[in-house]
């Protein structure tokens, strides 16, 4: 995984994306997330695989543009959720804090 992330970062640097506006990069993230939604809605497994990969690529670049790395972001998120309590409601995990509102 490290090697792939480094390849994506090198590719982005070669294209000048490391210096680009991260707000515009976020628009790319959102666009790719929309493609994931479309693939899910249509039951298109190959497009789903590609879309998820594209989301990860755009997130790697967004992190890089903000002097972060994917592992740092993922570790932070995992530290936040690892002890989270809640329950599944209609196929969606709802954290305990949101159940108490």
N, C-alpha and C. Protein backbone atom coordinates (compact mmCIF):
# COMPACT_ATOMS: atom_id res chain seq x y z
N UNK A 1 0.83 -1.19 0.00
CA UNK A 1 0.00 0.00 0.00
C UNK A 1 0.87 1.26 0.00
N UNK A 2 1.95 1.25 0.80
CA UNK A 2 2.84 2.41 0.83
C UNK A 2 3.38 2.74 -0.56
N UNK A 3 3.74 1.69 -1.29
CA UNK A 3 4.30 1.91 -2.62
C UNK A 3 3.28 2.55 -3.56
N UNK A 4 2.04 2.09 -3.49
CA UNK A 4 0.99 2.68 -4.32
C UNK A 4 0.73 4.13 -3.95
N UNK A 5 0.71 4.42 -2.67
CA UNK A 5 0.49 5.80 -2.22
C UNK A 5 1.63 6.69 -2.74
N UNK A 6 2.85 6.21 -2.63
CA UNK A 6 4.00 6.98 -3.13
C UNK A 6 3.90 7.20 -4.64
N UNK A 7 3.44 6.19 -5.37
CA UNK A 7 3.27 6.34 -6.82
C UNK A 7 2.23 7.41 -7.14
N UNK A 8 1.12 7.40 -6.39
CA UNK A 8 0.08 8.42 -6.60
C UNK A 8 0.63 9.80 -6.28
N UNK A 9 1.36 9.92 -5.17
CA UNK A 9 1.93 11.22 -4.79
C UNK A 9 2.93 11.70 -5.84
N UNK A 10 3.77 10.81 -6.33
CA UNK A 10 4.73 11.18 -7.39
C UNK A 10 3.99 11.62 -8.65
N UNK A 11 2.96 10.88 -9.04
CA UNK A 11 2.17 11.23 -10.21
C UNK A 11 1.56 12.62 -10.04
N UNK A 12 1.01 12.88 -8.86
CA UNK A 12 0.38 14.18 -8.59
C UNK A 12 1.41 15.31 -8.61
N UNK A 13 2.59 15.07 -8.04
CA UNK A 13 3.65 16.08 -8.07
C UNK A 13 4.07 16.38 -9.51
N UNK A 14 4.21 15.34 -10.31
CA UNK A 14 4.61 15.52 -11.71
C UNK A 14 3.59 16.33 -12.50
N UNK A 15 2.34 16.30 -12.07
CA UNK A 15 1.29 17.07 -12.73
C UNK A 15 1.08 18.44 -12.07
N UNK A 16 1.85 18.74 -11.02
CA UNK A 16 1.71 20.02 -10.32
C UNK A 16 0.53 20.08 -9.37
N UNK A 17 -0.06 18.94 -9.10
CA UNK A 17 -1.24 18.91 -8.25
C UNK A 17 -0.92 19.16 -6.78
N UNK A 18 0.33 18.96 -6.39
CA UNK A 18 0.71 19.20 -5.00
C UNK A 18 0.62 20.68 -4.64
N UNK A 19 0.67 21.54 -5.64
CA UNK A 19 0.60 22.98 -5.43
C UNK A 19 -0.79 23.55 -5.74
N UNK A 20 -1.71 22.71 -6.15
CA UNK A 20 -3.03 23.17 -6.56
C UNK A 20 -3.90 23.49 -5.35
N UNK A 21 -5.00 24.16 -5.60
CA UNK A 21 -5.96 24.55 -4.58
C UNK A 21 -6.68 23.31 -4.04
N UNK A 22 -6.54 23.07 -2.76
CA UNK A 22 -7.14 21.86 -2.19
C UNK A 22 -8.66 21.92 -2.17
N UNK A 23 -9.24 23.12 -2.19
CA UNK A 23 -10.70 23.23 -2.28
C UNK A 23 -11.18 22.65 -3.62
N UNK A 24 -10.42 22.90 -4.67
CA UNK A 24 -10.77 22.34 -5.98
C UNK A 24 -10.53 20.83 -6.00
N UNK A 25 -9.52 20.38 -5.28
CA UNK A 25 -9.28 18.94 -5.19
C UNK A 25 -10.44 18.27 -4.48
N UNK A 26 -10.99 18.94 -3.48
CA UNK A 26 -12.15 18.36 -2.78
C UNK A 26 -13.32 18.19 -3.74
N UNK A 27 -13.46 19.10 -4.69
CA UNK A 27 -14.52 18.94 -5.69
C UNK A 27 -14.31 17.64 -6.47
N UNK A 28 -13.03 17.29 -6.75
CA UNK A 28 -12.74 16.03 -7.44
C UNK A 28 -13.12 14.84 -6.55
N UNK A 29 -12.83 14.96 -5.24
CA UNK A 29 -13.23 13.89 -4.31
C UNK A 29 -14.74 13.69 -4.41
N UNK A 30 -15.49 14.79 -4.34
CA UNK A 30 -16.95 14.73 -4.39
C UNK A 30 -17.45 14.13 -5.70
N UNK A 31 -16.82 14.50 -6.79
CA UNK A 31 -17.19 13.95 -8.10
C UNK A 31 -17.01 12.44 -8.10
N UNK A 32 -15.89 11.98 -7.59
CA UNK A 32 -15.62 10.53 -7.57
C UNK A 32 -16.56 9.80 -6.63
N UNK A 33 -16.92 10.41 -5.51
CA UNK A 33 -17.89 9.80 -4.59
C UNK A 33 -19.23 9.65 -5.30
N UNK A 34 -19.59 10.62 -6.11
CA UNK A 34 -20.81 10.52 -6.90
C UNK A 34 -20.77 9.34 -7.86
N UNK A 35 -19.61 9.09 -8.44
CA UNK A 35 -19.48 7.95 -9.34
C UNK A 35 -19.62 6.63 -8.58
N UNK A 36 -19.15 6.60 -7.34
CA UNK A 36 -19.35 5.40 -6.51
C UNK A 36 -20.84 5.19 -6.27
N UNK A 37 -21.55 6.26 -5.96
CA UNK A 37 -22.99 6.16 -5.73
C UNK A 37 -23.71 5.65 -6.97
N UNK A 38 -23.32 6.15 -8.13
CA UNK A 38 -23.95 5.71 -9.38
C UNK A 38 -23.68 4.23 -9.63
N UNK A 39 -22.46 3.78 -9.38
CA UNK A 39 -22.13 2.37 -9.58
C UNK A 39 -22.93 1.48 -8.62
N UNK A 40 -23.09 1.92 -7.38
CA UNK A 40 -23.90 1.16 -6.42
C UNK A 40 -25.35 1.08 -6.87
N UNK A 41 -25.87 2.22 -7.30
CA UNK A 41 -27.27 2.27 -7.72
C UNK A 41 -27.54 1.37 -8.92
N UNK A 42 -26.54 1.20 -9.77
CA UNK A 42 -26.70 0.41 -11.00
C UNK A 42 -26.19 -1.03 -10.86
N UNK A 43 -25.62 -1.34 -9.68
CA UNK A 43 -25.09 -2.68 -9.48
C UNK A 43 -23.90 -3.00 -10.37
N UNK A 44 -23.08 -1.99 -10.66
CA UNK A 44 -21.94 -2.15 -11.57
C UNK A 44 -20.65 -2.36 -10.77
N UNK A 45 -20.29 -3.62 -10.60
CA UNK A 45 -19.15 -3.99 -9.75
C UNK A 45 -17.82 -3.42 -10.25
N UNK A 46 -17.56 -3.51 -11.54
CA UNK A 46 -16.29 -3.00 -12.08
C UNK A 46 -16.19 -1.48 -11.89
N UNK A 47 -17.29 -0.78 -12.15
CA UNK A 47 -17.30 0.67 -11.97
C UNK A 47 -17.17 1.04 -10.50
N UNK A 48 -17.74 0.22 -9.63
CA UNK A 48 -17.63 0.46 -8.19
C UNK A 48 -16.17 0.33 -7.75
N UNK A 49 -15.50 -0.71 -8.21
CA UNK A 49 -14.08 -0.92 -7.88
C UNK A 49 -13.25 0.28 -8.35
N UNK A 50 -13.47 0.70 -9.59
CA UNK A 50 -12.75 1.85 -10.13
C UNK A 50 -13.08 3.12 -9.36
N UNK A 51 -14.34 3.31 -9.05
CA UNK A 51 -14.76 4.52 -8.33
C UNK A 51 -14.16 4.61 -6.94
N UNK A 52 -14.15 3.50 -6.22
CA UNK A 52 -13.54 3.50 -4.89
C UNK A 52 -12.05 3.82 -5.00
N UNK A 53 -11.39 3.23 -5.98
CA UNK A 53 -9.98 3.54 -6.21
C UNK A 53 -9.77 5.01 -6.52
N UNK A 54 -10.63 5.57 -7.35
CA UNK A 54 -10.52 6.99 -7.68
C UNK A 54 -10.73 7.88 -6.46
N UNK A 55 -11.66 7.49 -5.58
CA UNK A 55 -11.87 8.25 -4.35
C UNK A 55 -10.59 8.24 -3.51
N UNK A 56 -9.97 7.08 -3.38
CA UNK A 56 -8.74 6.98 -2.59
C UNK A 56 -7.64 7.84 -3.21
N UNK A 57 -7.50 7.79 -4.53
CA UNK A 57 -6.48 8.61 -5.21
C UNK A 57 -6.71 10.09 -4.91
N UNK A 58 -7.96 10.55 -5.05
CA UNK A 58 -8.23 11.97 -4.82
C UNK A 58 -8.00 12.35 -3.36
N UNK A 59 -8.27 11.43 -2.44
CA UNK A 59 -8.02 11.71 -1.01
C UNK A 59 -6.52 11.75 -0.70
N UNK A 60 -5.75 10.88 -1.33
CA UNK A 60 -4.29 10.91 -1.15
C UNK A 60 -3.76 12.28 -1.57
N UNK A 61 -4.23 12.76 -2.71
CA UNK A 61 -3.78 14.05 -3.22
C UNK A 61 -4.24 15.18 -2.31
N UNK A 62 -5.48 15.13 -1.85
CA UNK A 62 -6.00 16.16 -0.94
C UNK A 62 -5.18 16.21 0.34
N UNK A 63 -4.87 15.05 0.89
CA UNK A 63 -4.03 14.99 2.10
C UNK A 63 -2.66 15.59 1.82
N UNK A 64 -2.05 15.20 0.72
CA UNK A 64 -0.72 15.70 0.35
C UNK A 64 -0.73 17.22 0.22
N UNK A 65 -1.76 17.76 -0.38
CA UNK A 65 -1.85 19.21 -0.58
C UNK A 65 -1.91 19.97 0.75
N UNK A 66 -2.30 19.26 1.80
CA UNK A 66 -2.44 19.88 3.12
C UNK A 66 -1.39 19.38 4.11
N UNK A 67 -0.26 18.88 3.57
CA UNK A 67 0.86 18.38 4.37
C UNK A 67 0.44 17.30 5.36
N UNK A 68 -0.47 16.44 4.92
CA UNK A 68 -0.91 15.28 5.70
C UNK A 68 -0.64 14.04 4.86
N UNK A 69 -0.76 12.89 5.48
CA UNK A 69 -0.69 11.67 4.69
C UNK A 69 -1.86 10.78 5.04
N UNK A 70 -2.18 9.88 4.13
CA UNK A 70 -3.35 9.04 4.27
C UNK A 70 -3.33 8.24 5.56
N UNK A 71 -2.18 7.69 5.93
CA UNK A 71 -2.10 6.89 7.15
C UNK A 71 -2.36 7.73 8.39
N UNK A 72 -1.83 8.93 8.42
CA UNK A 72 -2.08 9.83 9.55
C UNK A 72 -3.58 10.09 9.68
N UNK A 73 -4.23 10.39 8.57
CA UNK A 73 -5.66 10.66 8.59
C UNK A 73 -6.45 9.42 9.01
N UNK A 74 -6.08 8.27 8.47
CA UNK A 74 -6.78 7.03 8.80
C UNK A 74 -6.57 6.66 10.27
N UNK A 75 -5.36 6.81 10.77
CA UNK A 75 -5.10 6.53 12.19
C UNK A 75 -5.91 7.44 13.11
N UNK A 76 -6.00 8.71 12.75
CA UNK A 76 -6.79 9.65 13.54
C UNK A 76 -8.26 9.22 13.57
N UNK A 77 -8.79 8.86 12.41
CA UNK A 77 -10.18 8.42 12.34
C UNK A 77 -10.40 7.13 13.12
N UNK A 78 -9.47 6.19 12.99
CA UNK A 78 -9.63 4.93 13.71
C UNK A 78 -9.57 5.15 15.22
N UNK A 79 -8.65 6.00 15.68
CA UNK A 79 -8.58 6.30 17.11
C UNK A 79 -9.90 6.85 17.63
N UNK A 80 -10.58 7.59 16.79
CA UNK A 80 -11.87 8.17 17.18
C UNK A 80 -12.98 7.13 17.22
N UNK A 81 -12.96 6.15 16.33
CA UNK A 81 -14.07 5.20 16.25
C UNK A 81 -13.85 3.88 16.98
N UNK A 82 -12.60 3.57 17.33
CA UNK A 82 -12.31 2.21 17.82
C UNK A 82 -13.12 1.80 19.04
N UNK A 83 -13.47 2.72 19.89
CA UNK A 83 -14.27 2.37 21.06
C UNK A 83 -15.70 2.85 20.97
N UNK A 84 -16.10 3.28 19.79
CA UNK A 84 -17.43 3.87 19.62
C UNK A 84 -18.52 2.82 19.81
N UNK A 85 -19.54 3.23 20.51
CA UNK A 85 -20.71 2.38 20.72
C UNK A 85 -21.87 2.96 19.94
N UNK A 86 -22.81 2.09 19.61
CA UNK A 86 -23.98 2.50 18.87
C UNK A 86 -24.72 1.26 18.41
N UNK A 87 -25.58 1.43 17.42
CA UNK A 87 -26.31 0.26 16.91
C UNK A 87 -26.67 0.47 15.45
N UNK A 88 -26.97 -0.64 14.81
CA UNK A 88 -27.39 -0.63 13.41
C UNK A 88 -28.88 -0.30 13.37
N UNK A 89 -29.23 0.68 12.53
CA UNK A 89 -30.63 1.03 12.31
C UNK A 89 -30.83 1.09 10.80
N UNK A 90 -31.69 0.24 10.31
CA UNK A 90 -31.98 0.17 8.86
C UNK A 90 -30.71 0.07 8.03
N UNK A 91 -29.75 -0.73 8.49
CA UNK A 91 -28.52 -0.98 7.73
C UNK A 91 -27.46 0.09 7.88
N UNK A 92 -27.65 1.04 8.80
CA UNK A 92 -26.68 2.12 9.01
C UNK A 92 -26.27 2.13 10.48
N UNK A 93 -24.96 2.17 10.74
CA UNK A 93 -24.48 2.26 12.12
C UNK A 93 -24.67 3.69 12.61
N UNK A 94 -25.37 3.83 13.72
CA UNK A 94 -25.61 5.13 14.33
C UNK A 94 -24.88 5.15 15.66
N UNK A 95 -23.97 6.13 15.83
CA UNK A 95 -23.19 6.18 17.06
C UNK A 95 -24.08 6.58 18.23
N UNK A 96 -23.68 6.11 19.41
CA UNK A 96 -24.46 6.30 20.62
C UNK A 96 -24.81 7.77 20.86
N UNK A 97 -23.87 8.66 20.65
CA UNK A 97 -24.12 10.08 20.88
C UNK A 97 -25.29 10.58 20.03
N UNK A 98 -25.43 10.08 18.83
CA UNK A 98 -26.53 10.51 17.97
C UNK A 98 -27.86 9.85 18.37
N UNK A 99 -27.78 8.74 19.07
CA UNK A 99 -29.00 8.07 19.54
C UNK A 99 -29.59 8.82 20.74
N UNK A 100 -28.77 9.58 21.43
CA UNK A 100 -29.19 10.26 22.65
C UNK A 100 -29.74 11.65 22.39
N UNK A 101 -29.78 12.06 21.14
CA UNK A 101 -30.26 13.41 20.80
C UNK A 101 -31.77 13.46 20.83
